[in-house]
Amino acid sequence: MADPTLEEIATALYAGAPDDFVSARTARATEIASPELAKEVRALKKPSVAAWVVNVFAQERADQLGQALQLAAELREAQDDLDAPALAKLGRDRRQLTRRLAETAADLAESRGERVTSATREAVEQTISAAFFDPDAAAAVASGRLVRALEPTASADDIRASVVGEVALTPTAPEPPADELKARRLRRDAERRLNAAEKDLAAAERELARREKELRSLQERADDLSDQAARLERELDAVRTQVKRVHADVPDAERERDEAAEKKDAAASAVDEARQALDEL
């Protein structure tokens, strides 16, 4: 029976538990009859945690990843005909899809008992983003044989160095004519401007969300203060009514006090007269 290919062996190893990679690689190499292939297997590099997460996702969710990459390829072809608002929406949708796939991949890895840090999640998201923007990166990701994570700006050489074995990457084309070079430079400049604009848009969206949150907080505070002011106004009206009533009662109270004073003076006079009469006896 013929030995499996290096790609087949690497595919199995690169989806296995990271902690068991070295021992699994050694055990697999000892089973191979071909000395040359066994040497190649022993030379396989251990994938980074982020690369392993992507490999597991690529192998266990091949249909989901394949559909996403096909959609990304169609969007790359269609974006030349889109206006600025449509491009902005495309950028948002692509970011959301990238984030959703990265979260699914991380959850799948954690279900296998692997701890996935925030830095690893970011690297996984960057790798999937690279696959959305570059067909070579898409082929490398879909292979399930990544050795390290990819950057969205990765060159063809970087991509080839990041994947084990043969992958159907875009062949290097002959030097295009000057006009075509100019057109490509203009396109790259336009893509950079779009990327910059998307970043600015994302920052503006975050700022808008922050400002809207602050506005809602101020509006709620204003409503609370308005309710408090209305309550205080009602209490003040009640106090003013009581003041009017008290002021209305003052004249009667003064008259009654004056009458009491007169009675008191009369009683005092009577006491003086009685005392004088007594002294004369």
C-alpha atoms as a PDB file:
ATOM      1  CA  MET A   1       0.000   0.000   0.000  1.00  0.00           C
ATOM      2  CA  ALA A   2       1.407   3.386  -1.016  1.00  0.00           C
ATOM      3  CA  ASP A   3       2.365   5.911   1.623  1.00  0.00           C
ATOM      4  CA  PRO A   4       0.068   8.917   1.963  1.00  0.00           C
ATOM      5  CA  THR A   5       1.313  12.248   0.659  1.00  0.00           C
ATOM      6  CA  LEU A   6       3.019  14.867   2.798  1.00  0.00           C
ATOM      7  CA  GLU A   7      -0.088  17.038   2.444  1.00  0.00           C
ATOM      8  CA  GLU A   8      -2.347  14.266   3.769  1.00  0.00           C
ATOM      9  CA  ILE A   9      -0.072  13.605   6.729  1.00  0.00           C
ATOM     10  CA  ALA A  10       0.305  17.300   7.538  1.00  0.00           C
ATOM     11  CA  THR A  11      -3.447  17.813   7.327  1.00  0.00           C
ATOM     12  CA  ALA A  12      -4.008  15.181  10.008  1.00  0.00           C
ATOM     13  CA  LEU A  13      -1.161  16.377  12.233  1.00  0.00           C
ATOM     14  CA  TYR A  14      -2.080  20.050  12.025  1.00  0.00           C
ATOM     15  CA  ALA A  15      -5.584  19.434  13.326  1.00  0.00           C
ATOM     16  CA  GLY A  16      -4.408  17.330  16.265  1.00  0.00           C
ATOM     17  CA  ALA A  17      -3.907  18.568  19.816  1.00  0.00           C
ATOM     18  CA  PRO A  18      -1.043  21.110  19.892  1.00  0.00           C
ATOM     19  CA  ASP A  19       0.543  19.547  22.973  1.00  0.00           C
ATOM     20  CA  ASP A  20       0.685  16.175  21.210  1.00  0.00           C
ATOM     21  CA  PHE A  21       2.088  17.485  17.921  1.00  0.00           C
ATOM     22  CA  VAL A  22       5.744  16.527  18.422  1.00  0.00           C
ATOM     23  CA  SER A  23       5.006  13.003  19.636  1.00  0.00           C
ATOM     24  CA  ALA A  24       2.365  12.495  16.929  1.00  0.00           C
ATOM     25  CA  ARG A  25       4.772  13.735  14.275  1.00  0.00           C
ATOM     26  CA  THR A  26       7.520  11.363  15.456  1.00  0.00           C
ATOM     27  CA  ALA A  27       5.136   8.405  15.635  1.00  0.00           C
ATOM     28  CA  ARG A  28       3.792   9.128  12.160  1.00  0.00           C
ATOM     29  CA  ALA A  29       7.291   9.413  10.673  1.00  0.00           C
ATOM     30  CA  THR A  30       8.272   6.004  12.047  1.00  0.00           C
ATOM     31  CA  GLU A  31       5.334   4.409  10.230  1.00  0.00           C
ATOM     32  CA  ILE A  32       6.416   5.665   6.793  1.00  0.00           C
ATOM     33  CA  ALA A  33       8.354   3.365   4.521  1.00  0.00           C
ATOM     34  CA  SER A  34       9.867   6.112   2.375  1.00  0.00           C
ATOM     35  CA  PRO A  35      12.963   7.596   4.075  1.00  0.00           C
ATOM     36  CA  GLU A  36      12.566  10.816   2.109  1.00  0.00           C
ATOM     37  CA  LEU A  37       8.942  11.282   3.101  1.00  0.00           C
ATOM     38  CA  ALA A  38       9.716  10.346   6.697  1.00  0.00           C
ATOM     39  CA  LYS A  39      12.396  13.026   6.764  1.00  0.00           C
ATOM     40  CA  GLU A  40       9.935  15.596   5.425  1.00  0.00           C
ATOM     41  CA  VAL A  41       7.415  14.632   8.101  1.00  0.00           C
ATOM     42  CA  ARG A  42      10.009  14.963  10.878  1.00  0.00           C
ATOM     43  CA  ALA A  43      10.832  18.439   9.514  1.00  0.00           C
ATOM     44  CA  LEU A  44       7.243  19.632   9.813  1.00  0.00           C
ATOM     45  CA  LYS A  45       7.030  22.701  12.046  1.00  0.00           C
ATOM     46  CA  LYS A  46       4.613  22.871  14.933  1.00  0.00           C
ATOM     47  CA  PRO A  47       1.808  25.296  14.037  1.00  0.00           C
ATOM     48  CA  SER A  48       1.162  28.357  16.162  1.00  0.00           C
ATOM     49  CA  VAL A  49      -1.974  28.233  18.299  1.00  0.00           C
ATOM     50  CA  ALA A  50      -3.740  30.678  15.947  1.00  0.00           C
ATOM     51  CA  ALA A  51      -2.769  28.596  12.898  1.00  0.00           C
ATOM     52  CA  TRP A  52      -3.992  25.457  14.675  1.00  0.00           C
ATOM     53  CA  VAL A  53      -7.341  27.101  15.442  1.00  0.00           C
ATOM     54  CA  VAL A  54      -7.761  28.019  11.758  1.00  0.00           C
ATOM     55  CA  ASN A  55      -6.690  24.514  10.657  1.00  0.00           C
ATOM     56  CA  VAL A  56      -9.253  22.864  12.927  1.00  0.00           C
ATOM     57  CA  PHE A  57     -11.956  25.199  11.637  1.00  0.00           C
ATOM     58  CA  ALA A  58     -10.933  24.628   8.000  1.00  0.00           C
ATOM     59  CA  GLN A  59     -11.150  20.866   8.412  1.00  0.00           C
ATOM     60  CA  GLU A  60     -14.217  20.547  10.627  1.00  0.00           C
ATOM     61  CA  ARG A  61     -16.213  23.400   9.118  1.00  0.00           C
ATOM     62  CA  ALA A  62     -15.020  23.068   5.526  1.00  0.00           C
ATOM     63  CA  ASP A  63     -18.450  23.751   4.029  1.00  0.00           C
ATOM     64  CA  GLN A  64     -19.023  26.876   6.126  1.00  0.00           C
ATOM     65  CA  LEU A  65     -15.550  28.213   5.369  1.00  0.00           C
ATOM     66  CA  GLY A  66     -15.849  27.326   1.687  1.00  0.00           C
ATOM     67  CA  GLN A  67     -19.122  29.213   1.339  1.00  0.00           C
ATOM     68  CA  ALA A  68     -17.626  32.258   3.071  1.00  0.00           C
ATOM     69  CA  LEU A  69     -14.534  32.227   0.845  1.00  0.00           C
ATOM     70  CA  GLN A  70     -16.674  31.842  -2.280  1.00  0.00           C
ATOM     71  CA  LEU A  71     -18.768  34.808  -1.189  1.00  0.00           C
ATOM     72  CA  ALA A  72     -15.589  36.809  -0.525  1.00  0.00           C
ATOM     73  CA  ALA A  73     -14.315  35.999  -4.034  1.00  0.00           C
ATOM     74  CA  GLU A  74     -17.595  37.170  -5.572  1.00  0.00           C
ATOM     75  CA  LEU A  75     -17.495  40.367  -3.535  1.00  0.00           C
ATOM     76  CA  ARG A  76     -13.911  41.063  -4.658  1.00  0.00           C
ATOM     77  CA  GLU A  77     -15.037  40.839  -8.262  1.00  0.00           C
ATOM     78  CA  ALA A  78     -18.146  42.940  -7.688  1.00  0.00           C
ATOM     79  CA  GLN A  79     -16.646  45.759  -5.640  1.00  0.00           C
ATOM     80  CA  ASP A  80     -15.248  47.550  -8.720  1.00  0.00           C
ATOM     81  CA  ASP A  81     -18.815  48.409  -9.720  1.00  0.00           C
ATOM     82  CA  LEU A  82     -19.958  49.594  -6.294  1.00  0.00           C
ATOM     83  CA  ASP A  83     -20.362  53.208  -5.218  1.00  0.00           C
ATOM     84  CA  ALA A  84     -18.933  54.599  -1.986  1.00  0.00           C
ATOM     85  CA  PRO A  85     -21.953  53.839   0.267  1.00  0.00           C
ATOM     86  CA  ALA A  86     -22.180  50.296  -1.093  1.00  0.00           C
ATOM     87  CA  LEU A  87     -18.446  49.803  -0.575  1.00  0.00           C
ATOM     88  CA  ALA A  88     -18.752  51.050   2.992  1.00  0.00           C
ATOM     89  CA  LYS A  89     -21.586  48.598   3.649  1.00  0.00           C
ATOM     90  CA  LEU A  90     -19.558  45.838   2.017  1.00  0.00           C
ATOM     91  CA  GLY A  91     -16.676  46.619   4.354  1.00  0.00           C
ATOM     92  CA  ARG A  92     -18.950  46.445   7.408  1.00  0.00           C
ATOM     93  CA  ASP A  93     -20.531  43.188   6.272  1.00  0.00           C
ATOM     94  CA  ARG A  94     -17.123  41.679   5.573  1.00  0.00           C
ATOM     95  CA  ARG A  95     -15.834  42.660   9.010  1.00  0.00           C
ATOM     96  CA  GLN A  96     -18.909  41.185  10.687  1.00  0.00           C
ATOM     97  CA  LEU A  97     -18.559  37.920   8.768  1.00  0.00           C
ATOM     98  CA  THR A  98     -14.829  37.750   9.563  1.00  0.00           C
ATOM     99  CA  ARG A  99     -15.494  38.294  13.261  1.00  0.00           C
ATOM    100  CA  ARG A 100     -18.303  35.728  13.306  1.00  0.00           C
ATOM    101  CA  LEU A 101     -16.161  33.042  11.644  1.00  0.00           C
ATOM    102  CA  ALA A 102     -13.217  33.788  13.955  1.00  0.00           C
ATOM    103  CA  GLU A 103     -15.467  33.442  17.002  1.00  0.00           C
ATOM    104  CA  THR A 104     -16.817  30.143  15.685  1.00  0.00           C
ATOM    105  CA  ALA A 105     -13.276  28.875  15.094  1.00  0.00           C
ATOM    106  CA  ALA A 106     -12.179  29.922  18.597  1.00  0.00           C
ATOM    107  CA  ASP A 107     -15.237  28.297  20.194  1.00  0.00           C
ATOM    108  CA  LEU A 108     -14.520  25.095  18.267  1.00  0.00           C
ATOM    109  CA  ALA A 109     -10.906  25.107  19.513  1.00  0.00           C
ATOM    110  CA  GLU A 110     -12.003  25.719  23.103  1.00  0.00           C
ATOM    111  CA  SER A 111     -14.440  22.811  22.855  1.00  0.00           C
ATOM    112  CA  ARG A 112     -11.313  20.684  22.360  1.00  0.00           C
ATOM    113  CA  GLY A 113      -9.898  21.945  25.645  1.00  0.00           C
ATOM    114  CA  GLU A 114      -7.507  24.536  24.211  1.00  0.00           C
ATOM    115  CA  ARG A 115      -7.349  27.985  25.842  1.00  0.00           C
ATOM    116  CA  VAL A 116      -7.772  30.695  23.212  1.00  0.00           C
ATOM    117  CA  THR A 117      -6.511  34.092  24.362  1.00  0.00           C
ATOM    118  CA  SER A 118      -7.700  37.421  23.020  1.00  0.00           C
ATOM    119  CA  ALA A 119      -4.414  37.779  21.124  1.00  0.00           C
ATOM    120  CA  THR A 120      -4.980  34.396  19.471  1.00  0.00           C
ATOM    121  CA  ARG A 121      -8.540  35.357  18.554  1.00  0.00           C
ATOM    122  CA  GLU A 122      -7.209  38.531  16.957  1.00  0.00           C
ATOM    123  CA  ALA A 123      -4.642  36.526  14.961  1.00  0.00           C
ATOM    124  CA  VAL A 124      -7.367  34.114  13.809  1.00  0.00           C
ATOM    125  CA  GLU A 125      -9.532  37.035  12.720  1.00  0.00           C
ATOM    126  CA  GLN A 126      -6.611  38.604  10.843  1.00  0.00           C
ATOM    127  CA  THR A 127      -5.929  35.297   9.076  1.00  0.00           C
ATOM    128  CA  ILE A 128      -9.543  34.925   7.946  1.00  0.00           C
ATOM    129  CA  SER A 129      -9.530  38.567   6.866  1.00  0.00           C
ATOM    130  CA  ALA A 130      -6.437  37.861   4.741  1.00  0.00           C
ATOM    131  CA  ALA A 131      -8.311  34.965   3.122  1.00  0.00           C
ATOM    132  CA  PHE A 132     -11.179  37.291   2.248  1.00  0.00           C
ATOM    133  CA  PHE A 133      -8.916  39.804   0.528  1.00  0.00           C
ATOM    134  CA  ASP A 134      -6.424  37.501  -1.200  1.00  0.00           C
ATOM    135  CA  PRO A 135      -7.204  34.321  -3.182  1.00  0.00           C
ATOM    136  CA  ASP A 136      -3.777  32.861  -2.328  1.00  0.00           C
ATOM    137  CA  ALA A 137      -4.443  33.384   1.383  1.00  0.00           C
ATOM    138  CA  ALA A 138      -7.885  31.821   0.879  1.00  0.00           C
ATOM    139  CA  ALA A 139      -6.292  28.692  -0.645  1.00  0.00           C
ATOM    140  CA  ALA A 140      -3.771  28.488   2.206  1.00  0.00           C
ATOM    141  CA  VAL A 141      -6.472  28.822   4.870  1.00  0.00           C
ATOM    142  CA  ALA A 142      -8.746  26.277   3.176  1.00  0.00           C
ATOM    143  CA  SER A 143      -5.902  23.744   3.020  1.00  0.00           C
ATOM    144  CA  GLY A 144      -5.954  23.285   6.812  1.00  0.00           C
ATOM    145  CA  ARG A 145      -2.154  23.160   6.843  1.00  0.00           C
ATOM    146  CA  LEU A 146      -1.151  26.586   8.115  1.00  0.00           C
ATOM    147  CA  VAL A 147       2.024  26.820  10.160  1.00  0.00           C
ATOM    148  CA  ARG A 148       1.496  30.396  11.283  1.00  0.00           C
ATOM    149  CA  ALA A 149      -1.189  33.057  11.141  1.00  0.00           C
ATOM    150  CA  LEU A 150      -1.492  35.364   8.139  1.00  0.00           C
ATOM    151  CA  GLU A 151      -1.646  39.133   7.941  1.00  0.00           C
ATOM    152  CA  PRO A 152      -4.090  40.828   5.538  1.00  0.00           C
ATOM    153  CA  THR A 153      -1.058  42.446   3.875  1.00  0.00           C
ATOM    154  CA  ALA A 154       0.855  39.162   3.476  1.00  0.00           C
ATOM    155  CA  SER A 155       2.731  38.784   0.196  1.00  0.00           C
ATOM    156  CA  ALA A 156       2.601  35.686  -1.986  1.00  0.00           C
ATOM    157  CA  ASP A 157       5.982  34.602  -0.591  1.00  0.00           C
ATOM    158  CA  ASP A 158       4.719  35.062   2.976  1.00  0.00           C
ATOM    159  CA  ILE A 159       1.664  32.946   2.191  1.00  0.00           C
ATOM    160  CA  ARG A 160       3.712  30.152   0.587  1.00  0.00           C
ATOM    161  CA  ALA A 161       5.999  30.103   3.624  1.00  0.00           C
ATOM    162  CA  SER A 162       3.007  29.864   5.969  1.00  0.00           C
ATOM    163  CA  VAL A 163       1.520  26.664   4.549  1.00  0.00           C
ATOM    164  CA  VAL A 164       2.887  23.124   4.312  1.00  0.00           C
ATOM    165  CA  GLY A 165       2.888  21.234   1.027  1.00  0.00           C
ATOM    166  CA  GLU A 166       1.412  22.079  -2.324  1.00  0.00           C
ATOM    167  CA  VAL A 167      -1.470  24.542  -2.481  1.00  0.00           C
ATOM    168  CA  ALA A 168      -3.126  25.852  -5.618  1.00  0.00           C
ATOM    169  CA  LEU A 169      -1.758  29.384  -5.284  1.00  0.00           C
ATOM    170  CA  THR A 170      -1.934  31.953  -8.044  1.00  0.00           C
ATOM    171  CA  PRO A 171       1.125  31.488 -10.280  1.00  0.00           C
ATOM    172  CA  THR A 172       3.537  34.363 -10.662  1.00  0.00           C
ATOM    173  CA  ALA A 173       2.542  36.243 -13.791  1.00  0.00           C
ATOM    174  CA  PRO A 174       4.992  37.807 -16.244  1.00  0.00           C
ATOM    175  CA  GLU A 175       5.715  41.498 -15.867  1.00  0.00           C
ATOM    176  CA  PRO A 176       2.647  43.329 -17.245  1.00  0.00           C
ATOM    177  CA  PRO A 177       2.867  46.266 -19.622  1.00  0.00           C
ATOM    178  CA  ALA A 178       3.480  49.730 -18.208  1.00  0.00           C
ATOM    179  CA  ASP A 179      -0.150  50.767 -18.629  1.00  0.00           C
ATOM    180  CA  GLU A 180      -1.298  47.738 -16.715  1.00  0.00           C
ATOM    181  CA  LEU A 181       1.265  48.416 -13.995  1.00  0.00           C
ATOM    182  CA  LYS A 182      -0.054  51.935 -13.685  1.00  0.00           C
ATOM    183  CA  ALA A 183      -3.611  50.645 -13.493  1.00  0.00           C
ATOM    184  CA  ARG A 184      -2.640  48.185 -10.777  1.00  0.00           C
ATOM    185  CA  ARG A 185      -0.857  50.884  -8.806  1.00  0.00           C
ATOM    186  CA  LEU A 186      -3.921  53.073  -9.071  1.00  0.00           C
ATOM    187  CA  ARG A 187      -6.074  50.183  -7.939  1.00  0.00           C
ATOM    188  CA  ARG A 188      -3.778  49.450  -4.998  1.00  0.00           C
ATOM    189  CA  ASP A 189      -3.853  53.121  -4.046  1.00  0.00           C
ATOM    190  CA  ALA A 190      -7.627  53.060  -4.265  1.00  0.00           C
ATOM    191  CA  GLU A 191      -7.757  49.926  -2.122  1.00  0.00           C
ATOM    192  CA  ARG A 192      -5.482  51.535   0.465  1.00  0.00           C
ATOM    193  CA  ARG A 193      -7.696  54.598   0.510  1.00  0.00           C
ATOM    194  CA  LEU A 194     -10.721  52.348   0.918  1.00  0.00           C
ATOM    195  CA  ASN A 195      -9.072  50.491   3.784  1.00  0.00           C
ATOM    196  CA  ALA A 196      -8.165  53.794   5.414  1.00  0.00           C
ATOM    197  CA  ALA A 197     -11.694  55.073   4.865  1.00  0.00           C
ATOM    198  CA  GLU A 198     -13.135  51.888   6.377  1.00  0.00           C
ATOM    199  CA  LYS A 199     -10.926  52.329   9.432  1.00  0.00           C
ATOM    200  CA  ASP A 200     -12.007  55.977   9.721  1.00  0.00           C
ATOM    201  CA  LEU A 201     -15.616  54.878   9.330  1.00  0.00           C
ATOM    202  CA  ALA A 202     -15.241  52.267  12.057  1.00  0.00           C
ATOM    203  CA  ALA A 203     -13.693  54.890  14.353  1.00  0.00           C
ATOM    204  CA  ALA A 204     -16.484  57.341  13.494  1.00  0.00           C
ATOM    205  CA  GLU A 205     -19.110  54.668  14.200  1.00  0.00           C
ATOM    206  CA  ARG A 206     -17.542  54.000  17.603  1.00  0.00           C
ATOM    207  CA  GLU A 207     -17.443  57.740  18.338  1.00  0.00           C
ATOM    208  CA  LEU A 208     -21.085  58.125  17.264  1.00  0.00           C
ATOM    209  CA  ALA A 209     -22.120  55.232  19.499  1.00  0.00           C
ATOM    210  CA  ARG A 210     -20.274  56.860  22.414  1.00  0.00           C
ATOM    211  CA  ARG A 211     -21.870  60.235  21.763  1.00  0.00           C
ATOM    212  CA  GLU A 212     -25.333  58.680  21.435  1.00  0.00           C
ATOM    213  CA  LYS A 213     -24.824  56.926  24.761  1.00  0.00           C
ATOM    214  CA  GLU A 214     -23.805  60.231  26.380  1.00  0.00           C
ATOM    215  CA  LEU A 215     -26.836  61.955  24.834  1.00  0.00           C
ATOM    216  CA  ARG A 216     -29.204  59.279  26.124  1.00  0.00           C
ATOM    217  CA  SER A 217     -27.686  59.658  29.586  1.00  0.00           C
ATOM    218  CA  LEU A 218     -28.137  63.438  29.489  1.00  0.00           C
ATOM    219  CA  GLN A 219     -31.714  63.106  28.251  1.00  0.00           C
ATOM    220  CA  GLU A 220     -32.534  60.694  31.056  1.00  0.00           C
ATOM    221  CA  ARG A 221     -30.931  63.069  33.574  1.00  0.00           C
ATOM    222  CA  ALA A 222     -32.891  65.995  32.145  1.00  0.00           C
ATOM    223  CA  ASP A 223     -36.128  64.011  32.436  1.00  0.00           C
ATOM    224  CA  ASP A 224     -35.338  63.145  36.063  1.00  0.00           C
ATOM    225  CA  LEU A 225     -34.570  66.787  36.890  1.00  0.00           C
ATOM    226  CA  SER A 226     -37.762  67.950  35.133  1.00  0.00           C
ATOM    227  CA  ASP A 227     -39.803  65.522  37.243  1.00  0.00           C
ATOM    228  CA  GLN A 228     -37.995  66.748  40.363  1.00  0.00           C
ATOM    229  CA  ALA A 229     -38.613  70.408  39.419  1.00  0.00           C
ATOM    230  CA  ALA A 230     -42.320  69.719  38.834  1.00  0.00           C
ATOM    231  CA  ARG A 231     -42.569  68.050  42.240  1.00  0.00           C
ATOM    232  CA  LEU A 232     -40.811  70.975  43.920  1.00  0.00           C
ATOM    233  CA  GLU A 233     -43.094  73.434  42.111  1.00  0.00           C
ATOM    234  CA  ARG A 234     -46.119  71.608  43.499  1.00  0.00           C
ATOM    235  CA  GLU A 235     -44.622  71.671  46.989  1.00  0.00           C
ATOM    236  CA  LEU A 236     -43.814  75.386  46.617  1.00  0.00           C
ATOM    237  CA  ASP A 237     -47.387  76.151  45.539  1.00  0.00           C
ATOM    238  CA  ALA A 238     -48.670  74.335  48.615  1.00  0.00           C
ATOM    239  CA  VAL A 239     -46.316  76.328  50.872  1.00  0.00           C
ATOM    240  CA  ARG A 240     -47.395  79.600  49.254  1.00  0.00           C
ATOM    241  CA  THR A 241     -51.028  78.709  49.911  1.00  0.00           C
ATOM    242  CA  GLN A 242     -50.193  78.035  53.552  1.00  0.00           C
ATOM    243  CA  VAL A 243     -48.346  81.387  53.771  1.00  0.00           C
ATOM    244  CA  LYS A 244     -51.412  83.208  52.444  1.00  0.00           C
ATOM    245  CA  ARG A 245     -53.602  81.482  54.989  1.00  0.00           C
ATOM    246  CA  VAL A 246     -51.232  82.360  57.828  1.00  0.00           C
ATOM    247  CA  HIS A 247     -51.026  85.999  56.691  1.00  0.00           C
ATOM    248  CA  ALA A 248     -54.843  86.106  56.591  1.00  0.00           C
ATOM    249  CA  ASP A 249     -55.003  84.867  60.177  1.00  0.00           C
ATOM    250  CA  VAL A 250     -52.502  87.460  61.482  1.00  0.00           C
ATOM    251  CA  PRO A 251     -54.975  90.444  61.859  1.00  0.00           C
ATOM    252  CA  ASP A 252     -57.418  88.379  63.933  1.00  0.00           C
ATOM    253  CA  ALA A 253     -54.561  87.089  66.065  1.00  0.00           C
ATOM    254  CA  GLU A 254     -53.300  90.681  66.631  1.00  0.00           C
ATOM    255  CA  ARG A 255     -56.788  91.881  67.601  1.00  0.00           C
ATOM    256  CA  GLU A 256     -57.250  89.026  70.027  1.00  0.00           C
ATOM    257  CA  ARG A 257     -53.802  89.743  71.494  1.00  0.00           C
ATOM    258  CA  ASP A 258     -54.712  93.433  71.967  1.00  0.00           C
ATOM    259  CA  GLU A 259     -57.980  92.451  73.670  1.00  0.00           C
ATOM    260  CA  ALA A 260     -56.080  90.074  75.943  1.00  0.00           C
ATOM    261  CA  ALA A 261     -53.611  92.861  76.768  1.00  0.00           C
ATOM    262  CA  GLU A 262     -56.459  95.220  77.677  1.00  0.00           C
ATOM    263  CA  LYS A 263     -57.999  92.565  79.905  1.00  0.00           C
ATOM    264  CA  LYS A 264     -54.647  91.965  81.509  1.00  0.00           C
ATOM    265  CA  ASP A 265     -54.188  95.720  82.174  1.00  0.00           C
ATOM    266  CA  ALA A 266     -57.674  95.944  83.670  1.00  0.00           C
ATOM    267  CA  ALA A 267     -57.021  92.952  85.896  1.00  0.00           C
ATOM    268  CA  ALA A 268     -53.736  94.481  87.033  1.00  0.00           C
ATOM    269  CA  SER A 269     -55.511  97.751  87.935  1.00  0.00           C
ATOM    270  CA  ALA A 270     -58.107  95.819  89.907  1.00  0.00           C
ATOM    271  CA  VAL A 271     -55.357  94.042  91.811  1.00  0.00           C
ATOM    272  CA  ASP A 272     -53.696  97.392  92.674  1.00  0.00           C
ATOM    273  CA  GLU A 273     -56.974  98.870  93.939  1.00  0.00           C
ATOM    274  CA  ALA A 274     -57.720  95.795  96.014  1.00  0.00           C
ATOM    275  CA  ARG A 275     -54.243  95.814  97.532  1.00  0.00           C
ATOM    276  CA  GLN A 276     -54.555  99.562  98.413  1.00  0.00           C
ATOM    277  CA  ALA A 277     -57.918  99.019 100.031  1.00  0.00           C
ATOM    278  CA  LEU A 278     -56.503  96.222 102.076  1.00  0.00           C
ATOM    279  CA  ASP A 279     -53.607  98.327 103.239  1.00  0.00           C
ATOM    280  CA  GLU A 280     -55.958 101.072 104.441  1.00  0.00           C
ATOM    281  CA  LEU A 281     -57.807  98.706 106.806  1.00  0.00           C
END
